[in-house]
Amino acid sequence: MNKKEIKPIFPPSHGWLEYKLNSKEMDYVWRCIENKKDNCNSHLAGNITSSYDLMDRGDWFWVNVLRPLMFEYCERFFNLGNSIPVRESANLQYYMTKWWVNYQKQNEFNPVHNHSGIYSFVIWMKIPYDSRKQNQKDIARNSNTPSIGDFQFMYSNMLGESDRCSYPMNPDLEGTLLFFPSQLPHQVYPFYDCDEERISVSGNIMSDTSRKF
C-alpha cells in the first residue's frame, strides 16, 4: 500500500468562530451594560435571576464587530441566509435584532436551547470561577463528564450520533466572543460556592426585507 495515495476527506460542515474582543470593543460593551434597559427574563430560556436588554447606539457593535464576523463565517463555512426560502436571498439585509446581558448567580443555569435568527453570539464578560476547580467537587470528581460551570454546544456528527463541545470556564476567557448559527443547541451548567455573578452578553442576527440601508 502506498500511503501517499491515501487522503483524508473532511465533509463540509457548519462550525463557529472564536474572536477575542480588543480593549475598545470591550469598553463599548461594558458601557452598554452600564446603560442596560428593561428586564427580559420572560423572553429567554435561562433559569437565572437577571437578564436585561441592551442598546447598540448607532449600530456601532454591529458595524465594527458582528458584520465582519458574519462575512468571515460565510467565507469559512456557508452563508446561512441562502437557505431562507425567499427570492434573491443573497441580497438579504442583515442586522442585530436583539442583544442582552445575563447575570448568572451560583446554582443558576441555562438549559439546552437555541436562538431565533440566522446567526447568534455570546460574549463572556466576567467569569468569577475556574471550571477546573469547580469540577474537583464531590459531585463531579469521579464523573466521566465533569461539566460544572461549563458552556457547551450540542450537535449530531456525520454518523447521526449526539456529540458536544464544551468550553470550561475560567477568567482567561473573558472578552471571548463565539459566533454561531442560531439553531445550534447550547447550554450553560451551574457553578457553586461563588458569590460573584457570571456576566455574559448574547444576541441574534436576522434579516429583514423591509429594512433599507
C-alpha atoms as a PDB file:
ATOM      1  CA  MET A   1       0.000   0.000   0.000  1.00  0.00           C
ATOM      2  CA  ASN A   2       1.274   3.431  -0.949  1.00  0.00           C
ATOM      3  CA  LYS A   3       0.327   5.768   1.886  1.00  0.00           C
ATOM      4  CA  LYS A   4       0.865   8.780  -0.365  1.00  0.00           C
ATOM      5  CA  GLU A   5      -2.222   7.695  -2.300  1.00  0.00           C
ATOM      6  CA  ILE A   6      -4.390   7.837   0.826  1.00  0.00           C
ATOM      7  CA  LYS A   7      -6.045  11.169   1.525  1.00  0.00           C
ATOM      8  CA  PRO A   8      -8.488  12.073   4.298  1.00  0.00           C
ATOM      9  CA  ILE A   9     -11.815  13.570   3.263  1.00  0.00           C
ATOM     10  CA  PHE A  10     -13.472  16.112   5.544  1.00  0.00           C
ATOM     11  CA  PRO A  11     -17.108  16.685   4.514  1.00  0.00           C
ATOM     12  CA  PRO A  12     -18.332  20.288   4.646  1.00  0.00           C
ATOM     13  CA  SER A  13     -19.989  21.119   7.931  1.00  0.00           C
ATOM     14  CA  HIS A  14     -21.135  24.073   9.948  1.00  0.00           C
ATOM     15  CA  GLY A  15     -18.946  25.376  12.738  1.00  0.00           C
ATOM     16  CA  TRP A  16     -18.498  28.538  14.788  1.00  0.00           C
ATOM     17  CA  LEU A  17     -15.994  31.357  15.143  1.00  0.00           C
ATOM     18  CA  GLU A  18     -13.976  32.430  18.174  1.00  0.00           C
ATOM     19  CA  TYR A  19     -12.932  36.055  18.473  1.00  0.00           C
ATOM     20  CA  LYS A  20     -11.219  37.960  21.303  1.00  0.00           C
ATOM     21  CA  LEU A  21     -12.577  41.470  21.712  1.00  0.00           C
ATOM     22  CA  ASN A  22      -9.964  44.218  21.898  1.00  0.00           C
ATOM     23  CA  SER A  23      -9.983  46.798  24.697  1.00  0.00           C
ATOM     24  CA  LYS A  24     -12.018  49.342  22.689  1.00  0.00           C
ATOM     25  CA  GLU A  25     -14.681  46.753  21.895  1.00  0.00           C
ATOM     26  CA  MET A  26     -14.786  45.515  25.500  1.00  0.00           C
ATOM     27  CA  ASP A  27     -15.122  49.071  26.821  1.00  0.00           C
ATOM     28  CA  TYR A  28     -18.042  49.654  24.459  1.00  0.00           C
ATOM     29  CA  VAL A  29     -19.878  46.528  25.608  1.00  0.00           C
ATOM     30  CA  TRP A  30     -19.320  47.432  29.276  1.00  0.00           C
ATOM     31  CA  ARG A  31     -20.797  50.899  28.602  1.00  0.00           C
ATOM     32  CA  CYS A  32     -23.827  49.251  27.009  1.00  0.00           C
ATOM     33  CA  ILE A  33     -24.192  47.038  30.079  1.00  0.00           C
ATOM     34  CA  GLU A  34     -23.991  50.080  32.367  1.00  0.00           C
ATOM     35  CA  ASN A  35     -26.901  51.590  30.394  1.00  0.00           C
ATOM     36  CA  LYS A  36     -28.932  48.378  30.241  1.00  0.00           C
ATOM     37  CA  LYS A  37     -32.658  48.591  29.566  1.00  0.00           C
ATOM     38  CA  ASP A  38     -35.646  46.511  30.703  1.00  0.00           C
ATOM     39  CA  ASN A  39     -35.544  43.090  32.310  1.00  0.00           C
ATOM     40  CA  CYS A  40     -36.127  40.474  29.598  1.00  0.00           C
ATOM     41  CA  ASN A  41     -36.141  37.194  31.547  1.00  0.00           C
ATOM     42  CA  SER A  42     -39.603  36.224  30.314  1.00  0.00           C
ATOM     43  CA  HIS A  43     -38.354  36.107  26.700  1.00  0.00           C
ATOM     44  CA  LEU A  44     -35.315  33.898  27.429  1.00  0.00           C
ATOM     45  CA  ALA A  45     -34.661  30.248  28.316  1.00  0.00           C
ATOM     46  CA  GLY A  46     -32.279  30.965  31.186  1.00  0.00           C
ATOM     47  CA  ASN A  47     -33.136  29.822  34.692  1.00  0.00           C
ATOM     48  CA  ILE A  48     -31.369  32.881  36.056  1.00  0.00           C
ATOM     49  CA  THR A  49     -32.443  35.878  38.102  1.00  0.00           C
ATOM     50  CA  SER A  50     -31.435  38.828  35.933  1.00  0.00           C
ATOM     51  CA  SER A  51     -31.254  39.478  32.179  1.00  0.00           C
ATOM     52  CA  TYR A  52     -31.558  42.925  30.606  1.00  0.00           C
ATOM     53  CA  ASP A  53     -31.928  44.269  27.068  1.00  0.00           C
ATOM     54  CA  LEU A  54     -29.047  46.285  25.640  1.00  0.00           C
ATOM     55  CA  MET A  55     -28.949  49.028  23.007  1.00  0.00           C
ATOM     56  CA  ASP A  56     -26.330  49.294  20.249  1.00  0.00           C
ATOM     57  CA  ARG A  57     -26.315  53.054  19.656  1.00  0.00           C
ATOM     58  CA  GLY A  58     -25.650  53.904  16.038  1.00  0.00           C
ATOM     59  CA  ASP A  59     -25.200  50.175  15.325  1.00  0.00           C
ATOM     60  CA  TRP A  60     -21.558  50.530  16.414  1.00  0.00           C
ATOM     61  CA  PHE A  61     -21.104  46.950  17.597  1.00  0.00           C
ATOM     62  CA  TRP A  62     -22.942  45.544  14.603  1.00  0.00           C
ATOM     63  CA  VAL A  63     -20.862  47.503  12.084  1.00  0.00           C
ATOM     64  CA  ASN A  64     -17.466  47.094  13.730  1.00  0.00           C
ATOM     65  CA  VAL A  65     -17.642  43.573  15.169  1.00  0.00           C
ATOM     66  CA  LEU A  66     -20.630  41.455  14.180  1.00  0.00           C
ATOM     67  CA  ARG A  67     -20.956  42.236  10.484  1.00  0.00           C
ATOM     68  CA  PRO A  68     -17.253  41.473   9.794  1.00  0.00           C
ATOM     69  CA  LEU A  69     -17.653  38.204  11.724  1.00  0.00           C
ATOM     70  CA  MET A  70     -20.720  37.337   9.658  1.00  0.00           C
ATOM     71  CA  PHE A  71     -18.775  37.866   6.418  1.00  0.00           C
ATOM     72  CA  GLU A  72     -15.941  35.749   7.824  1.00  0.00           C
ATOM     73  CA  TYR A  73     -18.389  32.997   8.731  1.00  0.00           C
ATOM     74  CA  CYS A  74     -19.800  32.977   5.186  1.00  0.00           C
ATOM     75  CA  GLU A  75     -16.260  32.714   3.803  1.00  0.00           C
ATOM     76  CA  ARG A  76     -15.153  29.931   6.147  1.00  0.00           C
ATOM     77  CA  PHE A  77     -18.375  27.897   6.195  1.00  0.00           C
ATOM     78  CA  PHE A  78     -21.658  28.832   4.496  1.00  0.00           C
ATOM     79  CA  ASN A  79     -23.916  31.814   4.031  1.00  0.00           C
ATOM     80  CA  LEU A  80     -26.799  30.545   6.148  1.00  0.00           C
ATOM     81  CA  GLY A  81     -29.040  33.236   4.679  1.00  0.00           C
ATOM     82  CA  ASN A  82     -29.045  31.328   1.391  1.00  0.00           C
ATOM     83  CA  SER A  83     -31.200  28.624   2.997  1.00  0.00           C
ATOM     84  CA  ILE A  84     -34.022  31.084   3.691  1.00  0.00           C
ATOM     85  CA  PRO A  85     -36.849  30.309   1.234  1.00  0.00           C
ATOM     86  CA  VAL A  86     -37.132  33.772  -0.307  1.00  0.00           C
ATOM     87  CA  ARG A  87     -36.336  35.068  -3.774  1.00  0.00           C
ATOM     88  CA  GLU A  88     -32.813  36.520  -4.199  1.00  0.00           C
ATOM     89  CA  SER A  89     -31.760  35.521  -0.684  1.00  0.00           C
ATOM     90  CA  ALA A  90     -28.182  36.613  -1.443  1.00  0.00           C
ATOM     91  CA  ASN A  91     -29.423  40.225  -1.324  1.00  0.00           C
ATOM     92  CA  LEU A  92     -30.988  39.987   2.128  1.00  0.00           C
ATOM     93  CA  GLN A  93     -30.172  42.796   4.559  1.00  0.00           C
ATOM     94  CA  TYR A  94     -28.867  41.604   7.938  1.00  0.00           C
ATOM     95  CA  TYR A  95     -28.985  43.380  11.283  1.00  0.00           C
ATOM     96  CA  MET A  96     -28.667  42.666  15.001  1.00  0.00           C
ATOM     97  CA  THR A  97     -32.253  42.343  16.109  1.00  0.00           C
ATOM     98  CA  LYS A  98     -31.629  41.977  19.857  1.00  0.00           C
ATOM     99  CA  TRP A  99     -28.884  41.611  22.434  1.00  0.00           C
ATOM    100  CA  TRP A 100     -28.947  41.300  26.203  1.00  0.00           C
ATOM    101  CA  VAL A 101     -26.791  40.831  29.304  1.00  0.00           C
ATOM    102  CA  ASN A 102     -27.132  37.847  31.670  1.00  0.00           C
ATOM    103  CA  TYR A 103     -26.177  37.988  35.340  1.00  0.00           C
ATOM    104  CA  GLN A 104     -25.869  34.347  36.388  1.00  0.00           C
ATOM    105  CA  LYS A 105     -25.601  33.599  40.099  1.00  0.00           C
ATOM    106  CA  GLN A 106     -24.365  30.365  41.679  1.00  0.00           C
ATOM    107  CA  ASN A 107     -26.793  27.434  41.261  1.00  0.00           C
ATOM    108  CA  GLU A 108     -28.490  29.119  38.269  1.00  0.00           C
ATOM    109  CA  PHE A 109     -28.225  27.687  34.750  1.00  0.00           C
ATOM    110  CA  ASN A 110     -29.249  27.992  31.113  1.00  0.00           C
ATOM    111  CA  PRO A 111     -30.950  24.796  29.879  1.00  0.00           C
ATOM    112  CA  VAL A 112     -30.474  23.368  26.389  1.00  0.00           C
ATOM    113  CA  HIS A 113     -31.870  25.882  23.909  1.00  0.00           C
ATOM    114  CA  ASN A 114     -31.268  27.580  20.588  1.00  0.00           C
ATOM    115  CA  HIS A 115     -31.900  31.135  19.410  1.00  0.00           C
ATOM    116  CA  SER A 116     -34.208  32.836  16.955  1.00  0.00           C
ATOM    117  CA  GLY A 117     -32.409  34.309  13.984  1.00  0.00           C
ATOM    118  CA  ILE A 118     -29.803  33.261  11.436  1.00  0.00           C
ATOM    119  CA  TYR A 119     -26.637  33.891  13.440  1.00  0.00           C
ATOM    120  CA  SER A 120     -26.128  34.370  17.171  1.00  0.00           C
ATOM    121  CA  PHE A 121     -23.265  35.180  19.509  1.00  0.00           C
ATOM    122  CA  VAL A 122     -22.199  35.039  23.133  1.00  0.00           C
ATOM    123  CA  ILE A 123     -19.528  37.127  24.874  1.00  0.00           C
ATOM    124  CA  TRP A 124     -18.085  36.194  28.251  1.00  0.00           C
ATOM    125  CA  MET A 125     -17.563  39.460  30.090  1.00  0.00           C
ATOM    126  CA  LYS A 126     -16.845  38.246  33.638  1.00  0.00           C
ATOM    127  CA  ILE A 127     -16.105  34.689  34.782  1.00  0.00           C
ATOM    128  CA  PRO A 128     -15.578  34.618  38.565  1.00  0.00           C
ATOM    129  CA  TYR A 129     -14.679  30.925  38.816  1.00  0.00           C
ATOM    130  CA  ASP A 130     -12.482  28.250  37.243  1.00  0.00           C
ATOM    131  CA  SER A 131     -14.267  25.126  35.995  1.00  0.00           C
ATOM    132  CA  ARG A 132     -11.203  23.015  36.758  1.00  0.00           C
ATOM    133  CA  LYS A 133     -11.528  23.842  40.449  1.00  0.00           C
ATOM    134  CA  GLN A 134     -15.323  23.565  40.341  1.00  0.00           C
ATOM    135  CA  ASN A 135     -15.023  20.047  38.947  1.00  0.00           C
ATOM    136  CA  GLN A 136     -12.978  18.936  41.946  1.00  0.00           C
ATOM    137  CA  LYS A 137     -16.168  18.993  43.993  1.00  0.00           C
ATOM    138  CA  ASP A 138     -17.548  15.658  45.180  1.00  0.00           C
ATOM    139  CA  ILE A 139     -20.398  15.624  42.656  1.00  0.00           C
ATOM    140  CA  ALA A 140     -18.008  15.820  39.677  1.00  0.00           C
ATOM    141  CA  ARG A 141     -14.630  14.498  40.804  1.00  0.00           C
ATOM    142  CA  ASN A 142     -15.324  10.922  39.712  1.00  0.00           C
ATOM    143  CA  SER A 143     -17.592  11.714  36.778  1.00  0.00           C
ATOM    144  CA  ASN A 144     -16.570  10.777  33.228  1.00  0.00           C
ATOM    145  CA  THR A 145     -18.185  14.047  32.071  1.00  0.00           C
ATOM    146  CA  PRO A 146     -17.318  16.773  34.606  1.00  0.00           C
ATOM    147  CA  SER A 147     -19.212  19.883  33.470  1.00  0.00           C
ATOM    148  CA  ILE A 148     -19.701  22.267  36.389  1.00  0.00           C
ATOM    149  CA  GLY A 149     -19.828  25.850  35.148  1.00  0.00           C
ATOM    150  CA  ASP A 150     -19.155  24.948  31.500  1.00  0.00           C
ATOM    151  CA  PHE A 151     -20.644  26.382  28.299  1.00  0.00           C
ATOM    152  CA  GLN A 152     -21.485  23.598  25.860  1.00  0.00           C
ATOM    153  CA  PHE A 153     -22.562  23.232  22.213  1.00  0.00           C
ATOM    154  CA  MET A 154     -24.512  20.108  21.172  1.00  0.00           C
ATOM    155  CA  TYR A 155     -24.844  18.683  17.656  1.00  0.00           C
ATOM    156  CA  SER A 156     -25.043  15.464  15.627  1.00  0.00           C
ATOM    157  CA  ASN A 157     -21.934  14.094  13.916  1.00  0.00           C
ATOM    158  CA  MET A 158     -21.871  12.565  10.414  1.00  0.00           C
ATOM    159  CA  LEU A 159     -22.958   9.198  11.871  1.00  0.00           C
ATOM    160  CA  GLY A 160     -26.033  10.784  13.423  1.00  0.00           C
ATOM    161  CA  GLU A 161     -24.614  10.371  16.931  1.00  0.00           C
ATOM    162  CA  SER A 162     -25.003  13.077  19.578  1.00  0.00           C
ATOM    163  CA  ASP A 163     -21.807  14.981  20.181  1.00  0.00           C
ATOM    164  CA  ARG A 164     -20.787  18.041  22.190  1.00  0.00           C
ATOM    165  CA  CYS A 165     -18.063  20.625  22.553  1.00  0.00           C
ATOM    166  CA  SER A 166     -17.523  22.204  25.964  1.00  0.00           C
ATOM    167  CA  TYR A 167     -15.802  25.428  26.955  1.00  0.00           C
ATOM    168  CA  PRO A 168     -14.526  25.023  30.527  1.00  0.00           C
ATOM    169  CA  MET A 169     -14.958  28.476  32.025  1.00  0.00           C
ATOM    170  CA  ASN A 170     -12.134  30.473  33.634  1.00  0.00           C
ATOM    171  CA  PRO A 171     -11.189  34.191  33.754  1.00  0.00           C
ATOM    172  CA  ASP A 172      -8.839  33.796  30.753  1.00  0.00           C
ATOM    173  CA  LEU A 173     -11.940  33.516  28.530  1.00  0.00           C
ATOM    174  CA  GLU A 174     -13.209  36.974  29.484  1.00  0.00           C
ATOM    175  CA  GLY A 175     -13.653  39.004  26.302  1.00  0.00           C
ATOM    176  CA  THR A 176     -14.072  35.910  24.104  1.00  0.00           C
ATOM    177  CA  LEU A 177     -16.922  36.008  21.598  1.00  0.00           C
ATOM    178  CA  LEU A 178     -18.396  32.914  19.941  1.00  0.00           C
ATOM    179  CA  PHE A 179     -20.272  33.489  16.668  1.00  0.00           C
ATOM    180  CA  PHE A 180     -22.507  30.553  15.682  1.00  0.00           C
ATOM    181  CA  PRO A 181     -25.664  29.502  13.786  1.00  0.00           C
ATOM    182  CA  SER A 182     -28.746  30.472  15.781  1.00  0.00           C
ATOM    183  CA  GLN A 183     -30.181  26.957  15.571  1.00  0.00           C
ATOM    184  CA  LEU A 184     -27.135  25.347  17.201  1.00  0.00           C
ATOM    185  CA  PRO A 185     -28.250  23.973  20.600  1.00  0.00           C
ATOM    186  CA  HIS A 186     -26.193  25.015  23.612  1.00  0.00           C
ATOM    187  CA  GLN A 187     -26.414  25.233  27.393  1.00  0.00           C
ATOM    188  CA  VAL A 188     -24.652  26.660  30.449  1.00  0.00           C
ATOM    189  CA  TYR A 189     -24.139  24.499  33.523  1.00  0.00           C
ATOM    190  CA  PRO A 190     -24.455  25.925  37.056  1.00  0.00           C
ATOM    191  CA  PHE A 191     -21.478  26.764  39.257  1.00  0.00           C
ATOM    192  CA  TYR A 192     -21.320  26.631  43.035  1.00  0.00           C
ATOM    193  CA  ASP A 193     -19.828  28.249  46.166  1.00  0.00           C
ATOM    194  CA  CYS A 194     -19.062  31.568  44.470  1.00  0.00           C
ATOM    195  CA  ASP A 195     -20.889  34.750  45.483  1.00  0.00           C
ATOM    196  CA  GLU A 196     -19.853  36.736  42.415  1.00  0.00           C
ATOM    197  CA  GLU A 197     -22.008  36.818  39.287  1.00  0.00           C
ATOM    198  CA  ARG A 198     -21.017  35.412  35.911  1.00  0.00           C
ATOM    199  CA  ILE A 199     -21.732  38.132  33.334  1.00  0.00           C
ATOM    200  CA  SER A 200     -22.292  37.300  29.678  1.00  0.00           C
ATOM    201  CA  VAL A 201     -23.833  39.028  26.674  1.00  0.00           C
ATOM    202  CA  SER A 202     -25.802  37.289  23.918  1.00  0.00           C
ATOM    203  CA  GLY A 203     -27.601  38.418  20.795  1.00  0.00           C
ATOM    204  CA  ASN A 204     -29.180  37.445  17.498  1.00  0.00           C
ATOM    205  CA  ILE A 205     -28.785  38.468  13.863  1.00  0.00           C
ATOM    206  CA  MET A 206     -31.739  38.352  11.494  1.00  0.00           C
ATOM    207  CA  SER A 207     -32.655  39.515   8.020  1.00  0.00           C
ATOM    208  CA  ASP A 208     -35.452  41.940   7.195  1.00  0.00           C
ATOM    209  CA  THR A 209     -36.515  42.559   3.622  1.00  0.00           C
ATOM    210  CA  SER A 210     -38.279  45.758   4.678  1.00  0.00           C
ATOM    211  CA  ARG A 211     -35.108  47.411   6.016  1.00  0.00           C
ATOM    212  CA  LYS A 212     -33.326  49.923   3.783  1.00  0.00           C
ATOM    213  CA  PHE A 213     -29.627  50.706   4.253  1.00  0.00           C
END
